[in-house]
N, C-alpha and C. Protein backbone atom coordinates (compact mmCIF):
# COMPACT_ATOMS: atom_id res chain seq x y z
N MET A 1 71.02 21.94 170.36
CA MET A 1 70.82 23.08 169.62
C MET A 1 72.36 23.93 169.66
N ASP A 2 72.84 24.27 168.50
CA ASP A 2 74.08 24.96 168.43
C ASP A 2 73.99 26.24 168.84
N SER A 3 75.14 27.07 168.87
CA SER A 3 74.97 28.40 169.01
C SER A 3 74.06 29.39 167.85
N THR A 4 74.62 28.69 166.73
CA THR A 4 73.75 29.50 165.50
C THR A 4 72.44 29.58 165.65
N GLN A 5 71.82 28.10 166.01
CA GLN A 5 70.19 28.04 166.08
C GLN A 5 69.87 28.86 167.37
N GLN A 6 70.50 28.77 168.29
CA GLN A 6 70.27 29.61 169.60
C GLN A 6 70.16 31.20 169.12
N PHE A 7 71.14 31.66 168.28
CA PHE A 7 71.18 33.08 167.88
C PHE A 7 70.07 33.36 167.14
N VAL A 8 69.73 32.61 166.26
CA VAL A 8 68.50 32.78 165.14
C VAL A 8 67.16 32.62 166.19
N LEU A 9 67.14 31.98 167.14
CA LEU A 9 65.90 31.76 167.78
C LEU A 9 65.80 32.93 168.60
N ALA A 10 66.77 33.59 169.17
CA ALA A 10 66.64 34.72 169.97
C ALA A 10 66.32 36.05 169.17
N LEU A 11 66.81 35.91 168.04
CA LEU A 11 66.46 37.34 167.18
C LEU A 11 65.04 37.17 166.62
N LEU A 12 64.61 35.79 166.44
CA LEU A 12 63.28 35.70 166.11
C LEU A 12 62.31 35.96 167.23
N SER A 13 62.74 35.61 168.55
CA SER A 13 61.91 35.81 169.57
C SER A 13 61.70 37.63 169.90
N ILE A 14 62.81 38.11 169.73
CA ILE A 14 62.75 39.55 169.82
C ILE A 14 62.09 40.26 168.73
N GLY A 15 61.99 39.68 167.68
CA GLY A 15 61.16 40.23 166.49
C GLY A 15 59.85 40.04 166.87
N GLY A 16 59.59 38.74 167.18
CA GLY A 16 58.00 38.48 167.47
C GLY A 16 57.57 39.47 168.69
N GLY A 17 58.37 39.63 169.56
CA GLY A 17 57.84 40.35 170.75
C GLY A 17 57.81 41.86 170.26
N MET A 18 58.75 42.37 169.34
CA MET A 18 58.30 43.76 168.69
C MET A 18 57.11 43.80 167.99
N ALA A 19 56.89 42.51 167.25
CA ALA A 19 55.61 42.71 166.54
C ALA A 19 54.53 42.82 167.26
N THR A 20 54.57 41.92 168.42
CA THR A 20 53.39 41.78 169.23
C THR A 20 53.29 43.04 170.00
N LEU A 21 54.45 43.66 170.22
CA LEU A 21 54.19 45.33 170.91
C LEU A 21 53.53 46.09 169.95
N GLU A 22 53.93 46.17 168.59
CA GLU A 22 53.38 46.91 167.66
C GLU A 22 51.83 46.91 167.75
N ILE A 23 51.34 45.40 167.46
CA ILE A 23 50.01 44.90 167.31
C ILE A 23 49.31 45.57 168.53
N ILE A 24 49.72 45.50 169.81
CA ILE A 24 48.93 45.94 171.05
C ILE A 24 48.82 47.55 170.83
N LYS A 25 50.15 48.32 170.36
CA LYS A 25 50.07 49.70 170.44
C LYS A 25 48.92 50.01 169.34
N GLY A 26 48.80 49.35 168.23
CA GLY A 26 47.78 49.66 167.16
C GLY A 26 46.37 49.41 167.59
N LEU A 27 46.19 48.45 168.55
CA LEU A 27 44.91 48.04 169.09
C LEU A 27 44.58 49.35 170.16
N ILE A 28 45.48 49.71 170.92
CA ILE A 28 45.39 51.02 171.93
C ILE A 28 44.84 52.03 171.07
N LYS A 29 45.57 52.21 170.08
CA LYS A 29 45.34 53.64 169.26
C LYS A 29 43.83 53.40 168.73
N LEU A 30 43.46 52.36 168.14
CA LEU A 30 42.15 52.18 167.45
C LEU A 30 41.23 52.28 168.87
N ALA A 31 41.53 51.75 170.08
CA ALA A 31 40.42 52.00 170.89
C ALA A 31 40.32 53.17 171.41
N ASN A 32 41.38 54.11 171.46
CA ASN A 32 41.21 55.53 171.94
C ASN A 32 40.84 56.51 170.93
N GLY A 33 40.76 56.14 169.45
CA GLY A 33 40.20 56.98 168.63
C GLY A 33 41.31 57.50 167.84
N THR A 34 42.65 57.35 168.41
CA THR A 34 44.04 57.99 167.90
C THR A 34 44.19 57.72 166.35
N ALA A 35 43.90 56.37 165.94
CA ALA A 35 44.20 56.01 164.81
C ALA A 35 43.30 56.76 163.71
N GLY A 36 41.98 57.01 164.20
CA GLY A 36 40.97 57.72 163.06
C GLY A 36 41.71 59.12 163.03
N ARG A 37 42.17 59.73 164.03
CA ARG A 37 42.55 60.95 163.91
C ARG A 37 43.73 61.17 163.28
N GLU A 38 44.70 60.34 163.33
CA GLU A 38 46.02 60.31 162.54
C GLU A 38 45.51 59.97 161.03
N ARG A 39 44.69 59.16 160.80
CA ARG A 39 44.16 59.07 159.17
C ARG A 39 43.71 60.27 158.71
N ILE A 40 42.69 60.89 159.51
CA ILE A 40 42.08 61.98 159.18
C ILE A 40 43.32 63.24 158.91
N ARG A 41 44.28 63.24 159.87
CA ARG A 41 45.37 64.27 159.61
C ARG A 41 46.16 63.92 158.51
N ASN A 42 46.21 62.68 158.12
CA ASN A 42 47.11 62.35 157.01
C ASN A 42 46.50 62.56 155.68
N VAL A 43 45.08 62.40 155.62
CA VAL A 43 44.06 62.93 154.67
C VAL A 43 44.15 64.41 154.36
N THR A 44 44.12 65.03 155.56
CA THR A 44 44.20 66.41 155.41
C THR A 44 45.60 67.08 154.93
N LEU A 45 46.68 66.48 155.12
CA LEU A 45 47.98 66.73 154.84
C LEU A 45 48.10 66.44 153.50
N LYS A 46 47.54 65.34 152.97
CA LYS A 46 47.52 65.17 151.34
C LYS A 46 47.07 66.12 150.57
N ASP A 47 45.63 66.35 151.01
CA ASP A 47 44.79 67.26 150.63
C ASP A 47 45.41 68.84 150.42
N GLN A 48 46.17 69.14 151.60
CA GLN A 48 46.93 70.31 151.53
C GLN A 48 47.95 70.22 150.48
N ARG A 49 48.86 69.24 150.38
CA ARG A 49 49.80 69.04 149.44
C ARG A 49 49.45 69.18 148.13
N ASN A 50 48.21 68.49 147.86
CA ASN A 50 47.55 68.66 146.56
C ASN A 50 47.15 69.97 146.24
N GLU A 51 46.55 70.77 146.98
CA GLU A 51 46.02 72.09 146.68
C GLU A 51 47.34 72.84 146.55
N ALA A 52 48.44 72.63 147.18
CA ALA A 52 49.63 73.49 147.00
C ALA A 52 50.38 73.20 145.47
N TRP A 53 50.23 71.81 145.07
CA TRP A 53 50.85 71.48 143.71
C TRP A 53 49.85 72.33 142.64
N ALA A 54 48.68 72.32 143.11
CA ALA A 54 47.78 72.77 142.05
C ALA A 54 47.84 74.23 141.96
N ASP A 55 47.76 74.96 143.10
CA ASP A 55 48.26 76.23 143.13
C ASP A 55 49.66 76.66 142.62
N ALA A 56 50.61 75.84 142.68
CA ALA A 56 51.87 76.03 142.04
C ALA A 56 51.66 75.84 140.65
N GLU A 57 50.90 74.99 140.15
CA GLU A 57 50.81 74.75 138.78
C GLU A 57 50.21 76.06 137.95
N LYS A 58 49.17 76.51 138.92
CA LYS A 58 48.15 77.63 138.29
C LYS A 58 49.28 78.91 138.05
N GLU A 59 50.10 78.85 139.20
CA GLU A 59 51.03 80.06 139.16
C GLU A 59 52.12 80.16 138.08
N ARG A 60 52.35 78.91 137.64
CA ARG A 60 53.46 78.62 136.77
C ARG A 60 52.73 78.90 135.42
N THR A 61 51.43 78.53 135.28
CA THR A 61 50.78 78.85 133.91
C THR A 61 50.53 80.30 133.80
N ARG A 62 50.29 81.13 134.92
CA ARG A 62 49.98 82.31 134.73
C ARG A 62 51.29 82.99 134.52
N ALA A 63 52.43 82.76 135.23
CA ALA A 63 53.71 83.16 134.93
C ALA A 63 53.93 83.05 133.26
N ASP A 64 53.84 81.89 132.92
CA ASP A 64 54.20 81.62 131.27
C ASP A 64 53.45 82.55 130.44
N ARG A 65 51.98 82.73 130.77
CA ARG A 65 51.11 83.58 130.12
C ARG A 65 51.65 85.02 130.12
N MET A 66 52.18 85.51 131.24
CA MET A 66 52.39 86.96 131.45
C MET A 66 53.77 87.14 130.64
N GLN A 67 54.94 86.10 130.77
CA GLN A 67 55.85 86.05 129.78
C GLN A 67 55.61 86.09 128.27
N ALA A 68 54.69 85.29 127.91
CA ALA A 68 54.41 85.28 126.63
C ALA A 68 53.83 86.64 126.45
N ARG A 69 53.13 87.30 127.01
CA ARG A 69 52.60 88.45 126.67
C ARG A 69 53.69 89.78 126.85
N ALA A 70 54.44 89.82 127.85
CA ALA A 70 55.62 90.55 127.61
C ALA A 70 56.49 90.54 126.40
N ASP A 71 56.74 89.01 125.96
CA ASP A 71 57.59 88.97 124.68
C ASP A 71 56.83 89.49 123.52
N ARG A 72 55.62 89.27 123.52
CA ARG A 72 54.70 89.74 122.27
C ARG A 72 54.72 91.46 122.42
N GLU A 73 54.67 91.91 123.38
CA GLU A 73 54.58 93.27 123.60
C GLU A 73 56.01 94.03 123.13
N ALA A 74 57.07 93.32 123.42
CA ALA A 74 58.35 93.60 123.19
C ALA A 74 58.68 93.45 121.46
N ARG A 75 58.25 92.28 120.94
CA ARG A 75 58.16 92.12 119.47
C ARG A 75 57.46 93.26 118.85
N ASN A 76 56.20 93.71 119.23
CA ASN A 76 55.31 94.69 118.65
C ASN A 76 56.23 96.14 118.84
N ARG A 77 56.73 96.19 119.81
CA ARG A 77 57.30 97.48 120.13
C ARG A 77 58.74 97.71 119.15
N ASN A 78 59.28 96.56 118.94
CA ASN A 78 60.35 96.70 117.90
C ASN A 78 59.76 96.58 116.53
N ARG A 79 58.77 96.24 116.07
CA ARG A 79 58.24 96.48 114.95
C ARG A 79 57.76 97.63 114.71
N LEU A 80 57.18 98.39 115.59
CA LEU A 80 56.85 99.75 115.48
C LEU A 80 58.01 100.75 115.34
N ALA A 81 58.99 100.38 116.09
CA ALA A 81 60.35 101.25 115.94
C ALA A 81 61.02 100.93 114.69
N ASP A 82 60.94 99.58 114.19
CA ASP A 82 61.57 99.54 112.80
C ASP A 82 60.51 100.36 111.78
N TYR A 83 59.18 100.27 111.93
CA TYR A 83 58.44 100.85 110.84
C TYR A 83 58.63 102.46 111.03
N ALA A 84 58.81 102.99 112.13
CA ALA A 84 58.91 104.68 112.22
C ALA A 84 60.19 104.90 111.61
N SER A 85 61.38 104.08 111.84
CA SER A 85 62.89 104.27 111.40
C SER A 85 62.65 104.25 109.48
N SER A 86 61.81 103.09 109.36
CA SER A 86 61.62 103.23 107.71
C SER A 86 60.89 104.23 107.19
N LEU A 87 59.87 104.90 107.94
CA LEU A 87 59.22 105.80 107.32
C LEU A 87 59.91 107.27 107.38
N ARG A 88 60.74 107.40 108.50
CA ARG A 88 61.76 108.67 108.66
C ARG A 88 62.69 108.55 107.35
N ARG A 89 63.40 107.26 107.15
CA ARG A 89 64.13 107.14 106.00
C ARG A 89 63.42 107.57 104.72
N ASP A 90 62.24 106.88 104.61
CA ASP A 90 61.41 107.45 103.28
C ASP A 90 61.28 108.75 103.34
N CYS A 91 60.87 109.32 104.13
CA CYS A 91 60.58 111.05 104.21
C CYS A 91 61.98 111.63 103.87
N THR A 92 63.01 111.25 104.36
CA THR A 92 64.29 112.00 103.87
C THR A 92 64.69 111.65 102.53
N GLU A 93 64.48 110.35 102.02
CA GLU A 93 64.89 110.11 100.57
C GLU A 93 64.06 110.72 99.76
N HIS A 94 62.71 110.91 99.95
CA HIS A 94 61.95 111.85 99.23
C HIS A 94 61.93 113.23 99.29
N GLY A 95 63.17 113.81 99.91
CA GLY A 95 63.32 115.23 99.84
C GLY A 95 62.74 116.01 101.00
N MET A 96 62.36 115.18 102.20
CA MET A 96 61.90 116.18 103.29
C MET A 96 63.26 116.33 103.99
N ASP A 97 63.13 117.65 104.68
CA ASP A 97 64.36 118.30 105.59
C ASP A 97 64.36 117.57 106.88
N LEU A 98 65.31 117.14 107.32
CA LEU A 98 65.14 116.37 108.74
C LEU A 98 64.95 117.47 109.60
N ASP A 99 65.15 118.58 109.63
CA ASP A 99 64.79 119.55 110.49
C ASP A 99 63.16 119.58 110.89
N LYS A 100 62.46 119.27 109.68
CA LYS A 100 61.17 119.49 109.73
C LYS A 100 60.52 118.01 110.49
N LEU A 101 61.36 117.14 110.59
CA LEU A 101 60.72 115.92 111.19
C LEU A 101 60.79 115.92 112.69
N ARG A 102 59.88 115.63 113.17
CA ARG A 102 59.85 115.42 114.68
C ARG A 102 61.24 114.51 115.32
N ALA A 103 61.67 115.26 116.38
CA ALA A 103 62.84 114.68 116.82
C ALA A 103 62.37 113.16 117.58
N TRP A 104 63.50 112.26 117.48
CA TRP A 104 63.31 110.90 118.24
C TRP A 104 63.19 111.13 119.64
N PRO A 105 62.01 110.40 120.28
CA PRO A 105 61.75 110.58 121.45
C PRO A 105 62.99 109.97 122.51
N VAL A 106 63.01 110.80 123.57
CA VAL A 106 63.91 110.45 124.50
C VAL A 106 63.56 108.98 125.41
N LEU A 107 64.45 108.02 125.25
CA LEU A 107 64.12 106.82 125.80
C LEU A 107 64.52 106.72 127.20
N GLU A 108 63.81 105.99 128.14
CA GLU A 108 64.20 105.88 129.42
C GLU A 108 65.57 104.80 129.45
N ALA A 109 66.46 105.04 130.11
CA ALA A 109 67.67 104.29 130.42
C ALA A 109 67.32 103.09 131.50
N GLU A 110 68.03 102.01 131.20
CA GLU A 110 67.98 100.79 132.25
C GLU A 110 68.15 101.39 133.67
N PRO A 111 67.47 101.02 134.66
CA PRO A 111 67.84 101.31 135.93
C PRO A 111 68.99 100.46 136.27
N VAL A 112 69.94 101.33 137.12
CA VAL A 112 71.12 100.70 137.41
C VAL A 112 70.98 99.93 138.69
N GLN A 113 71.41 98.52 138.60
CA GLN A 113 71.26 97.61 139.80
C GLN A 113 72.42 97.36 140.57
N ASP A 114 72.28 97.29 142.00
CA ASP A 114 73.59 97.20 142.63
C ASP A 114 73.87 95.52 142.35
N GLU A 115 75.45 95.37 142.58
CA GLU A 115 75.71 94.08 142.23
C GLU A 115 75.03 93.10 143.36
N GLU A 116 74.94 93.74 144.77
CA GLU A 116 74.54 92.99 145.80
C GLU A 116 73.27 92.33 145.45
N ARG A 117 72.36 93.38 145.02
CA ARG A 117 70.73 92.85 144.70
C ARG A 117 70.63 92.05 143.62
N GLY A 118 71.51 92.03 142.56
CA GLY A 118 71.59 91.21 141.47
C GLY A 118 70.94 91.70 140.38
């Protein structure tokens, strides 16, 4: 037997020994009930992961609905403001005095944000 064959034989025997050791460890776990507990734990972790994904999807859906609602409300506010402006212009074009019209409402300013908070 040359040195290459001896080297391959040594690697195979070490690998076979490691495989035998893993089989023995598995049988011991099976006898102690550890394998069953690990399997249950893995199933529980998978269930928790799946629930977390489902919760995240529900939250994304809810956030999308809320964003769509906010967008719709903003569009409606803009339409109402445009309509009010058109009515005001129509009133002045038809001879109504500007002093008799109600004043425009005072709008809230955007809150100032610190650069640090973003």
